[in-house]
Amino acid sequence: MRRPLKTAEKIWKAHGRPEGVTITAGLNGVHSAGSWHYCGCAVDLRNNYFNAVEKRQVFEELKAALPEYDVIGHSTHIHIEPSDSLAEKWRLI
């Protein structure tokens, strides 16, 4: 998950977050059965300090920069996990 985190770090800083990205869940937390979180292949990144317009911009930039990942926006975080094709390439499925 280094590439998504490095990409998110740059985007967060470009949007005025000098501390960079904050991971709210990785291996920790409670997630749905079969979640990629449980094998270390998913992260949730805090976005609730951005206003609605910035949230959308950050989400769109992240999605465009990481086409091989599933980038899912939520009200308080952005979830990133490998797409099915990337998971197959990594031999996870």
PDB file of N, CA and C in Angstrom:
ATOM      1  N   MET A   1       0.817  -1.200   0.000  1.00  0.00           N
ATOM      2  CA  MET A   1       0.000   0.000   0.000  1.00  0.00           C
ATOM      3  C   MET A   1       0.865   1.269   0.000  1.00  0.00           C
ATOM      4  N   ARG A   2       2.150   1.105  -0.258  1.00  0.00           N
ATOM      5  CA  ARG A   2       3.025   2.288  -0.272  1.00  0.00           C
ATOM      6  C   ARG A   2       2.641   3.300  -1.337  1.00  0.00           C
ATOM      7  N   ARG A   3       2.372   2.811  -2.537  1.00  0.00           N
ATOM      8  CA  ARG A   3       2.044   3.745  -3.618  1.00  0.00           C
ATOM      9  C   ARG A   3       0.805   4.573  -3.296  1.00  0.00           C
ATOM     10  N   PRO A   4      -0.307   3.964  -2.881  1.00  0.00           N
ATOM     11  CA  PRO A   4      -1.473   4.789  -2.541  1.00  0.00           C
ATOM     12  C   PRO A   4      -1.193   5.777  -1.408  1.00  0.00           C
ATOM     13  N   LEU A   5      -0.418   5.356  -0.422  1.00  0.00           N
ATOM     14  CA  LEU A   5      -0.133   6.261   0.699  1.00  0.00           C
ATOM     15  C   LEU A   5       0.765   7.424   0.280  1.00  0.00           C
ATOM     16  N   LYS A   6       1.773   7.146  -0.536  1.00  0.00           N
ATOM     17  CA  LYS A   6       2.637   8.232  -1.023  1.00  0.00           C
ATOM     18  C   LYS A   6       1.841   9.209  -1.890  1.00  0.00           C
ATOM     19  N   THR A   7       0.971   8.670  -2.715  1.00  0.00           N
ATOM     20  CA  THR A   7       0.130   9.507  -3.576  1.00  0.00           C
ATOM     21  C   THR A   7      -0.807  10.360  -2.734  1.00  0.00           C
ATOM     22  N   ALA A   8      -1.452   9.756  -1.757  1.00  0.00           N
ATOM     23  CA  ALA A   8      -2.361  10.493  -0.876  1.00  0.00           C
ATOM     24  C   ALA A   8      -1.615  11.575  -0.110  1.00  0.00           C
ATOM     25  N   GLU A   9      -0.426  11.261   0.348  1.00  0.00           N
ATOM     26  CA  GLU A   9       0.388  12.237   1.090  1.00  0.00           C
ATOM     27  C   GLU A   9       0.600  13.502   0.252  1.00  0.00           C
ATOM     28  N   LYS A  10       0.956  13.339  -1.003  1.00  0.00           N
ATOM     29  CA  LYS A  10       1.176  14.490  -1.882  1.00  0.00           C
ATOM     30  C   LYS A  10      -0.112  15.283  -2.086  1.00  0.00           C
ATOM     31  N   ILE A  11      -1.211  14.579  -2.282  1.00  0.00           N
ATOM     32  CA  ILE A  11      -2.492  15.252  -2.524  1.00  0.00           C
ATOM     33  C   ILE A  11      -2.950  16.005  -1.277  1.00  0.00           C
ATOM     34  N   TRP A  12      -2.853  15.379  -0.117  1.00  0.00           N
ATOM     35  CA  TRP A  12      -3.270  16.041   1.138  1.00  0.00           C
ATOM     36  C   TRP A  12      -2.451  17.314   1.349  1.00  0.00           C
ATOM     37  N   LYS A  13      -1.138  17.227   1.153  1.00  0.00           N
ATOM     38  CA  LYS A  13      -0.275  18.399   1.340  1.00  0.00           C
ATOM     39  C   LYS A  13      -0.612  19.494   0.328  1.00  0.00           C
ATOM     40  N   ALA A  14      -0.907  19.103  -0.896  1.00  0.00           N
ATOM     41  CA  ALA A  14      -1.279  20.084  -1.921  1.00  0.00           C
ATOM     42  C   ALA A  14      -2.589  20.791  -1.575  1.00  0.00           C
ATOM     43  N   HIS A  15      -3.402  20.157  -0.748  1.00  0.00           N
ATOM     44  CA  HIS A  15      -4.675  20.737  -0.323  1.00  0.00           C
ATOM     45  C   HIS A  15      -4.595  21.345   1.075  1.00  0.00           C
ATOM     46  N   GLY A  16      -3.402  21.738   1.459  1.00  0.00           N
ATOM     47  CA  GLY A  16      -3.244  22.508   2.685  1.00  0.00           C
ATOM     48  C   GLY A  16      -3.142  21.733   3.976  1.00  0.00           C
ATOM     49  N   ARG A  17      -2.827  20.451   3.911  1.00  0.00           N
ATOM     50  CA  ARG A  17      -2.639  19.645   5.118  1.00  0.00           C
ATOM     51  C   ARG A  17      -1.150  19.368   5.275  1.00  0.00           C
ATOM     52  N   PRO A  18      -0.398  20.281   5.916  1.00  0.00           N
ATOM     53  CA  PRO A  18       1.065  20.135   6.002  1.00  0.00           C
ATOM     54  C   PRO A  18       1.507  18.864   6.728  1.00  0.00           C
ATOM     55  N   GLU A  19       0.660  18.325   7.594  1.00  0.00           N
ATOM     56  CA  GLU A  19       1.005  17.084   8.293  1.00  0.00           C
ATOM     57  C   GLU A  19       0.826  15.863   7.397  1.00  0.00           C
ATOM     58  N   GLY A  20       0.179  16.060   6.261  1.00  0.00           N
ATOM     59  CA  GLY A  20      -0.042  14.957   5.334  1.00  0.00           C
ATOM     60  C   GLY A  20      -1.262  14.132   5.683  1.00  0.00           C
ATOM     61  N   VAL A  21      -1.280  12.956   5.150  1.00  0.00           N
ATOM     62  CA  VAL A  21      -2.433  12.070   5.284  1.00  0.00           C
ATOM     63  C   VAL A  21      -2.473  11.419   6.669  1.00  0.00           C
ATOM     64  N   THR A  22      -3.682  11.155   7.158  1.00  0.00           N
ATOM     65  CA  THR A  22      -3.874  10.433   8.416  1.00  0.00           C
ATOM     66  C   THR A  22      -4.595   9.123   8.119  1.00  0.00           C
ATOM     67  N   ILE A  23      -3.980   8.010   8.488  1.00  0.00           N
ATOM     68  CA  ILE A  23      -4.591   6.691   8.310  1.00  0.00           C
ATOM     69  C   ILE A  23      -5.507   6.437   9.507  1.00  0.00           C
ATOM     70  N   THR A  24      -6.780   6.194   9.240  1.00  0.00           N
ATOM     71  CA  THR A  24      -7.717   5.914  10.334  1.00  0.00           C
ATOM     72  C   THR A  24      -7.936   4.422  10.533  1.00  0.00           C
ATOM     73  N   ALA A  25      -7.640   3.622   9.520  1.00  0.00           N
ATOM     74  CA  ALA A  25      -7.744   2.163   9.663  1.00  0.00           C
ATOM     75  C   ALA A  25      -6.830   1.495   8.657  1.00  0.00           C
ATOM     76  N   GLY A  26      -6.175   0.480   9.119  1.00  0.00           N
ATOM     77  CA  GLY A  26      -5.345  -0.383   8.281  1.00  0.00           C
ATOM     78  C   GLY A  26      -5.736  -1.797   8.655  1.00  0.00           C
ATOM     79  N   LEU A  27      -4.873  -2.465   9.410  1.00  0.00           N
ATOM     80  CA  LEU A  27      -5.196  -3.799   9.929  1.00  0.00           C
ATOM     81  C   LEU A  27      -6.160  -3.722  11.116  1.00  0.00           C
ATOM     82  N   ASN A  28      -6.219  -2.560  11.744  1.00  0.00           N
ATOM     83  CA  ASN A  28      -7.062  -2.394  12.928  1.00  0.00           C
ATOM     84  C   ASN A  28      -8.517  -2.125  12.546  1.00  0.00           C
ATOM     85  N   GLY A  29      -9.381  -2.162  13.521  1.00  0.00           N
ATOM     86  CA  GLY A  29     -10.783  -1.822  13.309  1.00  0.00           C
ATOM     87  C   GLY A  29     -11.638  -3.026  12.972  1.00  0.00           C
ATOM     88  N   VAL A  30     -12.926  -2.765  12.867  1.00  0.00           N
ATOM     89  CA  VAL A  30     -13.900  -3.794  12.513  1.00  0.00           C
ATOM     90  C   VAL A  30     -14.395  -3.475  11.108  1.00  0.00           C
ATOM     91  N   HIS A  31     -14.323  -4.458  10.235  1.00  0.00           N
ATOM     92  CA  HIS A  31     -14.689  -4.277   8.842  1.00  0.00           C
ATOM     93  C   HIS A  31     -15.570  -5.449   8.404  1.00  0.00           C
ATOM     94  N   SER A  32     -16.110  -5.361   7.227  1.00  0.00           N
ATOM     95  CA  SER A  32     -16.974  -6.438   6.743  1.00  0.00           C
ATOM     96  C   SER A  32     -16.165  -7.721   6.536  1.00  0.00           C
ATOM     97  N   ALA A  33     -16.859  -8.825   6.572  1.00  0.00           N
ATOM     98  CA  ALA A  33     -16.205 -10.126   6.372  1.00  0.00           C
ATOM     99  C   ALA A  33     -15.513 -10.132   5.014  1.00  0.00           C
ATOM    100  N   GLY A  34     -14.304 -10.615   4.972  1.00  0.00           N
ATOM    101  CA  GLY A  34     -13.548 -10.691   3.732  1.00  0.00           C
ATOM    102  C   GLY A  34     -12.903  -9.371   3.324  1.00  0.00           C
ATOM    103  N   SER A  35     -12.932  -8.391   4.197  1.00  0.00           N
ATOM    104  CA  SER A  35     -12.342  -7.090   3.894  1.00  0.00           C
ATOM    105  C   SER A  35     -10.851  -7.215   3.618  1.00  0.00           C
ATOM    106  N   TRP A  36     -10.368  -6.413   2.684  1.00  0.00           N
ATOM    107  CA  TRP A  36      -8.940  -6.366   2.394  1.00  0.00           C
ATOM    108  C   TRP A  36      -8.147  -5.799   3.570  1.00  0.00           C
ATOM    109  N   HIS A  37      -8.822  -5.133   4.504  1.00  0.00           N
ATOM    110  CA  HIS A  37      -8.129  -4.610   5.687  1.00  0.00           C
ATOM    111  C   HIS A  37      -7.436  -5.747   6.452  1.00  0.00           C
ATOM    112  N   TYR A  38      -8.086  -6.886   6.550  1.00  0.00           N
ATOM    113  CA  TYR A  38      -7.582  -7.972   7.392  1.00  0.00           C
ATOM    114  C   TYR A  38      -6.292  -8.605   6.889  1.00  0.00           C
ATOM    115  N   CYS A  39      -5.931  -8.349   5.635  1.00  0.00           N
ATOM    116  CA  CYS A  39      -4.649  -8.869   5.137  1.00  0.00           C
ATOM    117  C   CYS A  39      -3.674  -7.731   4.838  1.00  0.00           C
ATOM    118  N   GLY A  40      -4.002  -6.537   5.288  1.00  0.00           N
ATOM    119  CA  GLY A  40      -3.105  -5.404   5.105  1.00  0.00           C
ATOM    120  C   GLY A  40      -3.138  -4.786   3.718  1.00  0.00           C
ATOM    121  N   CYS A  41      -4.212  -5.044   2.986  1.00  0.00           N
ATOM    122  CA  CYS A  41      -4.309  -4.555   1.612  1.00  0.00           C
ATOM    123  C   CYS A  41      -5.365  -3.471   1.431  1.00  0.00           C
ATOM    124  N   ALA A  42      -5.736  -2.799   2.515  1.00  0.00           N
ATOM    125  CA  ALA A  42      -6.682  -1.688   2.416  1.00  0.00           C
ATOM    126  C   ALA A  42      -6.366  -0.677   3.505  1.00  0.00           C
ATOM    127  N   VAL A  43      -6.639   0.582   3.203  1.00  0.00           N
ATOM    128  CA  VAL A  43      -6.469   1.651   4.186  1.00  0.00           C
ATOM    129  C   VAL A  43      -7.649   2.600   4.103  1.00  0.00           C
ATOM    130  N   ASP A  44      -7.949   3.223   5.228  1.00  0.00           N
ATOM    131  CA  ASP A  44      -8.920   4.303   5.289  1.00  0.00           C
ATOM    132  C   ASP A  44      -8.153   5.565   5.654  1.00  0.00           C
ATOM    133  N   LEU A  45      -8.419   6.638   4.929  1.00  0.00           N
ATOM    134  CA  LEU A  45      -7.703   7.892   5.114  1.00  0.00           C
ATOM    135  C   LEU A  45      -8.681   8.990   5.512  1.00  0.00           C
ATOM    136  N   ARG A  46      -8.359   9.710   6.576  1.00  0.00           N
ATOM    137  CA  ARG A  46      -9.238  10.762   7.082  1.00  0.00           C
ATOM    138  C   ARG A  46      -9.407  11.865   6.042  1.00  0.00           C
ATOM    139  N   ASN A  47     -10.658  12.282   5.866  1.00  0.00           N
ATOM    140  CA  ASN A  47     -10.926  13.414   4.983  1.00  0.00           C
ATOM    141  C   ASN A  47     -11.919  14.398   5.600  1.00  0.00           C
ATOM    142  N   ASN A  48     -12.320  14.181   6.847  1.00  0.00           N
ATOM    143  CA  ASN A  48     -13.375  15.013   7.428  1.00  0.00           C
ATOM    144  C   ASN A  48     -12.934  16.430   7.776  1.00  0.00           C
ATOM    145  N   TYR A  49     -11.657  16.748   7.628  1.00  0.00           N
ATOM    146  CA  TYR A  49     -11.233  18.129   7.841  1.00  0.00           C
ATOM    147  C   TYR A  49     -11.300  18.955   6.562  1.00  0.00           C
ATOM    148  N   PHE A  50     -11.635  18.337   5.432  1.00  0.00           N
ATOM    149  CA  PHE A  50     -11.839  19.067   4.187  1.00  0.00           C
ATOM    150  C   PHE A  50     -13.310  19.481   4.076  1.00  0.00           C
ATOM    151  N   ASN A  51     -13.564  20.638   3.460  1.00  0.00           N
ATOM    152  CA  ASN A  51     -14.965  20.996   3.208  1.00  0.00           C
ATOM    153  C   ASN A  51     -15.482  20.149   2.048  1.00  0.00           C
ATOM    154  N   ALA A  52     -16.756  20.271   1.731  1.00  0.00           N
ATOM    155  CA  ALA A  52     -17.385  19.394   0.731  1.00  0.00           C
ATOM    156  C   ALA A  52     -16.714  19.496  -0.632  1.00  0.00           C
ATOM    157  N   VAL A  53     -16.369  20.696  -1.047  1.00  0.00           N
ATOM    158  CA  VAL A  53     -15.725  20.885  -2.350  1.00  0.00           C
ATOM    159  C   VAL A  53     -14.336  20.252  -2.349  1.00  0.00           C
ATOM    160  N   GLU A  54     -13.568  20.491  -1.287  1.00  0.00           N
ATOM    161  CA  GLU A  54     -12.224  19.915  -1.190  1.00  0.00           C
ATOM    162  C   GLU A  54     -12.278  18.394  -1.126  1.00  0.00           C
ATOM    163  N   LYS A  55     -13.248  17.852  -0.382  1.00  0.00           N
ATOM    164  CA  LYS A  55     -13.394  16.385  -0.317  1.00  0.00           C
ATOM    165  C   LYS A  55     -13.542  15.806  -1.709  1.00  0.00           C
ATOM    166  N   ARG A  56     -14.393  16.432  -2.500  1.00  0.00           N
ATOM    167  CA  ARG A  56     -14.638  15.930  -3.858  1.00  0.00           C
ATOM    168  C   ARG A  56     -13.367  16.037  -4.703  1.00  0.00           C
ATOM    169  N   GLN A  57     -12.672  17.169  -4.597  1.00  0.00           N
ATOM    170  CA  GLN A  57     -11.433  17.366  -5.358  1.00  0.00           C
ATOM    171  C   GLN A  57     -10.379  16.337  -4.969  1.00  0.00           C
ATOM    172  N   VAL A  58     -10.184  16.155  -3.667  1.00  0.00           N
ATOM    173  CA  VAL A  58      -9.196  15.194  -3.168  1.00  0.00           C
ATOM    174  C   VAL A  58      -9.552  13.788  -3.656  1.00  0.00           C
ATOM    175  N   PHE A  59     -10.818  13.432  -3.538  1.00  0.00           N
ATOM    176  CA  PHE A  59     -11.284  12.117  -3.983  1.00  0.00           C
ATOM    177  C   PHE A  59     -11.009  11.920  -5.475  1.00  0.00           C
ATOM    178  N   GLU A  60     -11.382  12.910  -6.282  1.00  0.00           N
ATOM    179  CA  GLU A  60     -11.202  12.795  -7.739  1.00  0.00           C
ATOM    180  C   GLU A  60      -9.718  12.715  -8.110  1.00  0.00           C
ATOM    181  N   GLU A  61      -8.874  13.492  -7.452  1.00  0.00           N
ATOM    182  CA  GLU A  61      -7.436  13.450  -7.727  1.00  0.00           C
ATOM    183  C   GLU A  61      -6.846  12.095  -7.355  1.00  0.00           C
ATOM    184  N   LEU A  62      -7.263  11.577  -6.211  1.00  0.00           N
ATOM    185  CA  LEU A  62      -6.765  10.281  -5.757  1.00  0.00           C
ATOM    186  C   LEU A  62      -7.216   9.171  -6.696  1.00  0.00           C
ATOM    187  N   LYS A  63      -8.470   9.204  -7.080  1.00  0.00           N
ATOM    188  CA  LYS A  63      -9.017   8.199  -7.995  1.00  0.00           C
ATOM    189  C   LYS A  63      -8.287   8.235  -9.339  1.00  0.00           C
ATOM    190  N   ALA A  64      -8.029   9.427  -9.854  1.00  0.00           N
ATOM    191  CA  ALA A  64      -7.338   9.568 -11.141  1.00  0.00           C
ATOM    192  C   ALA A  64      -5.884   9.108 -11.051  1.00  0.00           C
ATOM    193  N   ALA A  65      -5.253   9.340  -9.913  1.00  0.00           N
ATOM    194  CA  ALA A  65      -3.842   8.977  -9.740  1.00  0.00           C
ATOM    195  C   ALA A  65      -3.639   7.493  -9.464  1.00  0.00           C
ATOM    196  N   LEU A  66      -4.709   6.800  -9.062  1.00  0.00           N
ATOM    197  CA  LEU A  66      -4.595   5.383  -8.682  1.00  0.00           C
ATOM    198  C   LEU A  66      -5.625   4.535  -9.439  1.00  0.00           C
ATOM    199  N   PRO A  67      -5.543   4.478 -10.768  1.00  0.00           N
ATOM    200  CA  PRO A  67      -6.572   3.758 -11.532  1.00  0.00           C
ATOM    201  C   PRO A  67      -6.623   2.257 -11.262  1.00  0.00           C
ATOM    202  N   GLU A  68      -5.541   1.684 -10.766  1.00  0.00           N
ATOM    203  CA  GLU A  68      -5.525   0.236 -10.512  1.00  0.00           C
ATOM    204  C   GLU A  68      -6.051  -0.112  -9.109  1.00  0.00           C
ATOM    205  N   TYR A  69      -6.496   0.885  -8.374  1.00  0.00           N
ATOM    206  CA  TYR A  69      -7.063   0.680  -7.039  1.00  0.00           C
ATOM    207  C   TYR A  69      -8.529   1.078  -7.030  1.00  0.00           C
ATOM    208  N   ASP A  70      -9.299   0.479  -6.147  1.00  0.00           N
ATOM    209  CA  ASP A  70     -10.662   0.935  -5.899  1.00  0.00           C
ATOM    210  C   ASP A  70     -10.572   2.013  -4.835  1.00  0.00           C
ATOM    211  N   VAL A  71     -11.016   3.209  -5.172  1.00  0.00           N
ATOM    212  CA  VAL A  71     -10.999   4.351  -4.270  1.00  0.00           C
ATOM    213  C   VAL A  71     -12.458   4.694  -3.985  1.00  0.00           C
ATOM    214  N   ILE A  72     -12.859   4.560  -2.719  1.00  0.00           N
ATOM    215  CA  ILE A  72     -14.267   4.700  -2.337  1.00  0.00           C
ATOM    216  C   ILE A  72     -14.395   5.826  -1.325  1.00  0.00           C
ATOM    217  N   GLY A  73     -15.209   6.822  -1.655  1.00  0.00           N
ATOM    218  CA  GLY A  73     -15.394   7.968  -0.778  1.00  0.00           C
ATOM    219  C   GLY A  73     -16.496   7.746   0.237  1.00  0.00           C
ATOM    220  N   HIS A  74     -16.229   8.115   1.471  1.00  0.00           N
ATOM    221  CA  HIS A  74     -17.206   8.111   2.558  1.00  0.00           C
ATOM    222  C   HIS A  74     -17.212   9.506   3.173  1.00  0.00           C
ATOM    223  N   SER A  75     -18.133   9.785   4.051  1.00  0.00           N
ATOM    224  CA  SER A  75     -18.234  11.135   4.613  1.00  0.00           C
ATOM    225  C   SER A  75     -17.036  11.522   5.474  1.00  0.00           C
ATOM    226  N   THR A  76     -16.428  10.568   6.166  1.00  0.00           N
ATOM    227  CA  THR A  76     -15.314  10.891   7.070  1.00  0.00           C
ATOM    228  C   THR A  76     -13.983  10.298   6.631  1.00  0.00           C
ATOM    229  N   HIS A  77     -13.981   9.489   5.584  1.00  0.00           N
ATOM    230  CA  HIS A  77     -12.738   8.883   5.135  1.00  0.00           C
ATOM    231  C   HIS A  77     -12.834   8.422   3.682  1.00  0.00           C
ATOM    232  N   ILE A  78     -11.671   8.124   3.125  1.00  0.00           N
ATOM    233  CA  ILE A  78     -11.586   7.524   1.799  1.00  0.00           C
ATOM    234  C   ILE A  78     -10.950   6.154   1.970  1.00  0.00           C
ATOM    235  N   HIS A  79     -11.610   5.158   1.427  1.00  0.00           N
ATOM    236  CA  HIS A  79     -11.142   3.767   1.511  1.00  0.00           C
ATOM    237  C   HIS A  79     -10.413   3.444   0.210  1.00  0.00           C
ATOM    238  N   ILE A  80      -9.241   2.809   0.329  1.00  0.00           N
ATOM    239  CA  ILE A  80      -8.469   2.389  -0.845  1.00  0.00           C
ATOM    240  C   ILE A  80      -8.115   0.916  -0.702  1.00  0.00           C
ATOM    241  N   GLU A  81      -8.388   0.159  -1.760  1.00  0.00           N
ATOM    242  CA  GLU A  81      -8.035  -1.256  -1.812  1.00  0.00           C
ATOM    243  C   GLU A  81      -7.691  -1.610  -3.246  1.00  0.00           C
ATOM    244  N   PRO A  82      -6.998  -2.715  -3.463  1.00  0.00           N
ATOM    245  CA  PRO A  82      -6.650  -3.085  -4.838  1.00  0.00           C
ATOM    246  C   PRO A  82      -7.889  -3.453  -5.639  1.00  0.00           C
ATOM    247  N   SER A  83      -7.877  -3.104  -6.921  1.00  0.00           N
ATOM    248  CA  SER A  83      -8.945  -3.552  -7.812  1.00  0.00           C
ATOM    249  C   SER A  83      -8.814  -5.066  -7.979  1.00  0.00           C
ATOM    250  N   ASP A  84      -9.830  -5.681  -8.539  1.00  0.00           N
ATOM    251  CA  ASP A  84      -9.758  -7.130  -8.765  1.00  0.00           C
ATOM    252  C   ASP A  84      -8.577  -7.499  -9.655  1.00  0.00           C
ATOM    253  N   SER A  85      -8.322  -6.691 -10.692  1.00  0.00           N
ATOM    254  CA  SER A  85      -7.204  -7.023 -11.589  1.00  0.00           C
ATOM    255  C   SER A  85      -5.862  -6.902 -10.878  1.00  0.00           C
ATOM    256  N   LEU A  86      -5.717  -5.918 -10.005  1.00  0.00           N
ATOM    257  CA  LEU A  86      -4.471  -5.785  -9.243  1.00  0.00           C
ATOM    258  C   LEU A  86      -4.351  -6.915  -8.230  1.00  0.00           C
ATOM    259  N   ALA A  87      -5.449  -7.274  -7.584  1.00  0.00           N
ATOM    260  CA  ALA A  87      -5.430  -8.392  -6.642  1.00  0.00           C
ATOM    261  C   ALA A  87      -5.055  -9.696  -7.331  1.00  0.00           C
ATOM    262  N   GLU A  88      -5.530  -9.875  -8.556  1.00  0.00           N
ATOM    263  CA  GLU A  88      -5.145 -11.071  -9.320  1.00  0.00           C
ATOM    264  C   GLU A  88      -3.659 -11.040  -9.657  1.00  0.00           C
ATOM    265  N   LYS A  89      -3.165  -9.862 -10.047  1.00  0.00           N
ATOM    266  CA  LYS A  89      -1.737  -9.717 -10.369  1.00  0.00           C
ATOM    267  C   LYS A  89      -0.878 -10.047  -9.142  1.00  0.00           C
ATOM    268  N   TRP A  90      -1.337  -9.622  -7.969  1.00  0.00           N
ATOM    269  CA  TRP A  90      -0.641  -9.899  -6.720  1.00  0.00           C
ATOM    270  C   TRP A  90      -0.902 -11.322  -6.217  1.00  0.00           C
ATOM    271  N   ARG A  91      -1.754 -12.062  -6.933  1.00  0.00           N
ATOM    272  CA  ARG A  91      -2.153 -13.432  -6.581  1.00  0.00           C
ATOM    273  C   ARG A  91      -2.857 -13.509  -5.227  1.00  0.00           C
ATOM    274  N   LEU A  92      -3.696 -12.497  -4.993  1.00  0.00           N
ATOM    275  CA  LEU A  92      -4.494 -12.479  -3.763  1.00  0.00           C
ATOM    276  C   LEU A  92      -5.843 -13.150  -3.980  1.00  0.00           C
ATOM    277  N   ILE A  93      -6.257 -13.206  -5.251  1.00  0.00           N
ATOM    278  CA  ILE A  93      -7.520 -13.888  -5.589  1.00  0.00           C
ATOM    279  C   ILE A  93      -7.299 -14.774  -6.789  1.00  0.00           C
TER     280      ILE A  93
END
